[in-house]
Amino acid sequence: MNDQLTYEELAVLMKNGAGLTVDPSEMAARPGSAFDEYGLDSLGLLGIVAALENRFGRPLPADADRCRTPGEFLDLVNNTPVTGV
């Protein structure tokens, strides 16, 4: 992925995909807090993964939909090299 996914973008995806209003600065301050603390379940995270895959036209890392925290998700998405196109 060329651009780094930010907490702000993740908050927008959570709002658009799951209808959750989350303060991105709260996620940034507590990157280890569980997604379920924000009301995001595994189906909601799967929707975010699909939205990002559609947006960038390539699959995210295989474990992206298994991440438990915002910090873990951003770390995986932002630090996995892109292979193929």
C-alpha atoms as a PDB file:
ATOM      1  CA  MET A   1       0.000   0.000   0.000  1.00  0.00           C
ATOM      2  CA  ASN A   2       1.480   3.328  -0.965  1.00  0.00           C
ATOM      3  CA  ASP A   3      -0.119   5.482   1.714  1.00  0.00           C
ATOM      4  CA  GLN A   4      -0.052   4.807   5.403  1.00  0.00           C
ATOM      5  CA  LEU A   5      -3.481   4.195   6.896  1.00  0.00           C
ATOM      6  CA  THR A   6      -4.072   6.604   9.796  1.00  0.00           C
ATOM      7  CA  TYR A   7      -6.263   6.504  12.871  1.00  0.00           C
ATOM      8  CA  GLU A   8      -8.359   9.246  11.278  1.00  0.00           C
ATOM      9  CA  GLU A   9      -8.986   7.122   8.187  1.00  0.00           C
ATOM     10  CA  LEU A  10      -9.703   4.072  10.320  1.00  0.00           C
ATOM     11  CA  ALA A  11     -12.286   6.076  12.293  1.00  0.00           C
ATOM     12  CA  VAL A  12     -13.974   7.121   9.023  1.00  0.00           C
ATOM     13  CA  LEU A  13     -14.030   3.500   7.850  1.00  0.00           C
ATOM     14  CA  MET A  14     -15.560   2.443  11.168  1.00  0.00           C
ATOM     15  CA  LYS A  15     -18.230   5.140  10.765  1.00  0.00           C
ATOM     16  CA  ASN A  16     -19.010   4.309   7.135  1.00  0.00           C
ATOM     17  CA  GLY A  17     -18.832   0.537   7.454  1.00  0.00           C
ATOM     18  CA  ALA A  18     -20.263  -0.105  10.897  1.00  0.00           C
ATOM     19  CA  GLY A  19     -21.995   3.132  11.859  1.00  0.00           C
ATOM     20  CA  LEU A  20     -19.633   3.666  14.799  1.00  0.00           C
ATOM     21  CA  THR A  21     -18.477   7.109  15.823  1.00  0.00           C
ATOM     22  CA  VAL A  22     -14.978   6.786  17.227  1.00  0.00           C
ATOM     23  CA  ASP A  23     -12.580   9.554  18.215  1.00  0.00           C
ATOM     24  CA  PRO A  24      -9.366   8.869  16.263  1.00  0.00           C
ATOM     25  CA  SER A  25      -7.272  10.605  18.921  1.00  0.00           C
ATOM     26  CA  GLU A  26      -8.646   8.167  21.507  1.00  0.00           C
ATOM     27  CA  MET A  27      -7.602   5.223  19.334  1.00  0.00           C
ATOM     28  CA  ALA A  28      -4.169   6.791  18.824  1.00  0.00           C
ATOM     29  CA  ALA A  29      -3.781   7.337  22.566  1.00  0.00           C
ATOM     30  CA  ARG A  30      -4.852   3.755  23.307  1.00  0.00           C
ATOM     31  CA  PRO A  31      -3.697   1.695  20.300  1.00  0.00           C
ATOM     32  CA  GLY A  32      -3.853  -1.517  22.346  1.00  0.00           C
ATOM     33  CA  SER A  33      -7.521  -1.148  23.254  1.00  0.00           C
ATOM     34  CA  ALA A  34      -9.694  -3.862  21.756  1.00  0.00           C
ATOM     35  CA  PHE A  35     -11.900  -3.152  18.749  1.00  0.00           C
ATOM     36  CA  ASP A  36     -14.867  -4.477  20.724  1.00  0.00           C
ATOM     37  CA  GLU A  37     -14.388  -1.629  23.219  1.00  0.00           C
ATOM     38  CA  TYR A  38     -15.418   0.658  20.349  1.00  0.00           C
ATOM     39  CA  GLY A  39     -18.288  -1.635  19.353  1.00  0.00           C
ATOM     40  CA  LEU A  40     -16.554  -3.088  16.292  1.00  0.00           C
ATOM     41  CA  ASP A  41     -17.045  -6.823  15.889  1.00  0.00           C
ATOM     42  CA  SER A  42     -15.285  -9.232  13.536  1.00  0.00           C
ATOM     43  CA  LEU A  43     -17.888  -8.731  10.811  1.00  0.00           C
ATOM     44  CA  GLY A  44     -17.370  -4.963  10.965  1.00  0.00           C
ATOM     45  CA  LEU A  45     -13.608  -5.422  10.703  1.00  0.00           C
ATOM     46  CA  LEU A  46     -14.081  -7.729   7.741  1.00  0.00           C
ATOM     47  CA  GLY A  47     -16.076  -4.951   6.070  1.00  0.00           C
ATOM     48  CA  ILE A  48     -13.242  -2.491   6.682  1.00  0.00           C
ATOM     49  CA  VAL A  49     -10.747  -4.933   5.194  1.00  0.00           C
ATOM     50  CA  ALA A  50     -12.957  -5.363   2.114  1.00  0.00           C
ATOM     51  CA  ALA A  51     -13.368  -1.589   1.730  1.00  0.00           C
ATOM     52  CA  LEU A  52      -9.597  -1.088   1.855  1.00  0.00           C
ATOM     53  CA  GLU A  53      -8.998  -3.902  -0.621  1.00  0.00           C
ATOM     54  CA  ASN A  54     -11.468  -2.308  -3.021  1.00  0.00           C
ATOM     55  CA  ARG A  55      -9.949   1.122  -2.493  1.00  0.00           C
ATOM     56  CA  PHE A  56      -6.399   0.002  -3.207  1.00  0.00           C
ATOM     57  CA  GLY A  57      -7.182  -2.739  -5.713  1.00  0.00           C
ATOM     58  CA  ARG A  58      -5.159  -5.396  -3.941  1.00  0.00           C
ATOM     59  CA  PRO A  59      -5.596  -7.758  -1.006  1.00  0.00           C
ATOM     60  CA  LEU A  60      -4.542  -6.811   2.490  1.00  0.00           C
ATOM     61  CA  PRO A  61      -2.412  -9.199   4.539  1.00  0.00           C
ATOM     62  CA  ALA A  62      -4.218 -12.467   5.264  1.00  0.00           C
ATOM     63  CA  ASP A  63      -4.427 -11.801   9.016  1.00  0.00           C
ATOM     64  CA  ALA A  64      -5.849  -8.266   8.726  1.00  0.00           C
ATOM     65  CA  ASP A  65      -9.377  -9.364   9.602  1.00  0.00           C
ATOM     66  CA  ARG A  66      -8.093 -11.140  12.725  1.00  0.00           C
ATOM     67  CA  CYS A  67      -6.508  -8.103  14.346  1.00  0.00           C
ATOM     68  CA  ARG A  68      -7.859  -7.350  17.804  1.00  0.00           C
ATOM     69  CA  THR A  69      -6.781  -3.725  18.238  1.00  0.00           C
ATOM     70  CA  PRO A  70      -6.499  -0.567  16.122  1.00  0.00           C
ATOM     71  CA  GLY A  71      -2.743  -0.459  16.709  1.00  0.00           C
ATOM     72  CA  GLU A  72      -2.283  -4.060  15.609  1.00  0.00           C
ATOM     73  CA  PHE A  73      -4.427  -3.451  12.504  1.00  0.00           C
ATOM     74  CA  LEU A  74      -2.566  -0.301  11.440  1.00  0.00           C
ATOM     75  CA  ASP A  75       0.802  -1.914  12.117  1.00  0.00           C
ATOM     76  CA  LEU A  76      -0.055  -4.937   9.995  1.00  0.00           C
ATOM     77  CA  VAL A  77      -1.600  -2.947   7.149  1.00  0.00           C
ATOM     78  CA  ASN A  78       1.098  -0.268   7.069  1.00  0.00           C
ATOM     79  CA  ASN A  79       4.136  -2.496   7.513  1.00  0.00           C
ATOM     80  CA  THR A  80       3.410  -5.393   5.205  1.00  0.00           C
ATOM     81  CA  PRO A  81       5.178  -5.099   1.863  1.00  0.00           C
ATOM     82  CA  VAL A  82       3.000  -5.017  -1.213  1.00  0.00           C
ATOM     83  CA  THR A  83       3.562  -8.017  -3.458  1.00  0.00           C
ATOM     84  CA  GLY A  84       2.117  -8.243  -6.935  1.00  0.00           C
ATOM     85  CA  VAL A  85      -0.445  -5.853  -8.343  1.00  0.00           C
END
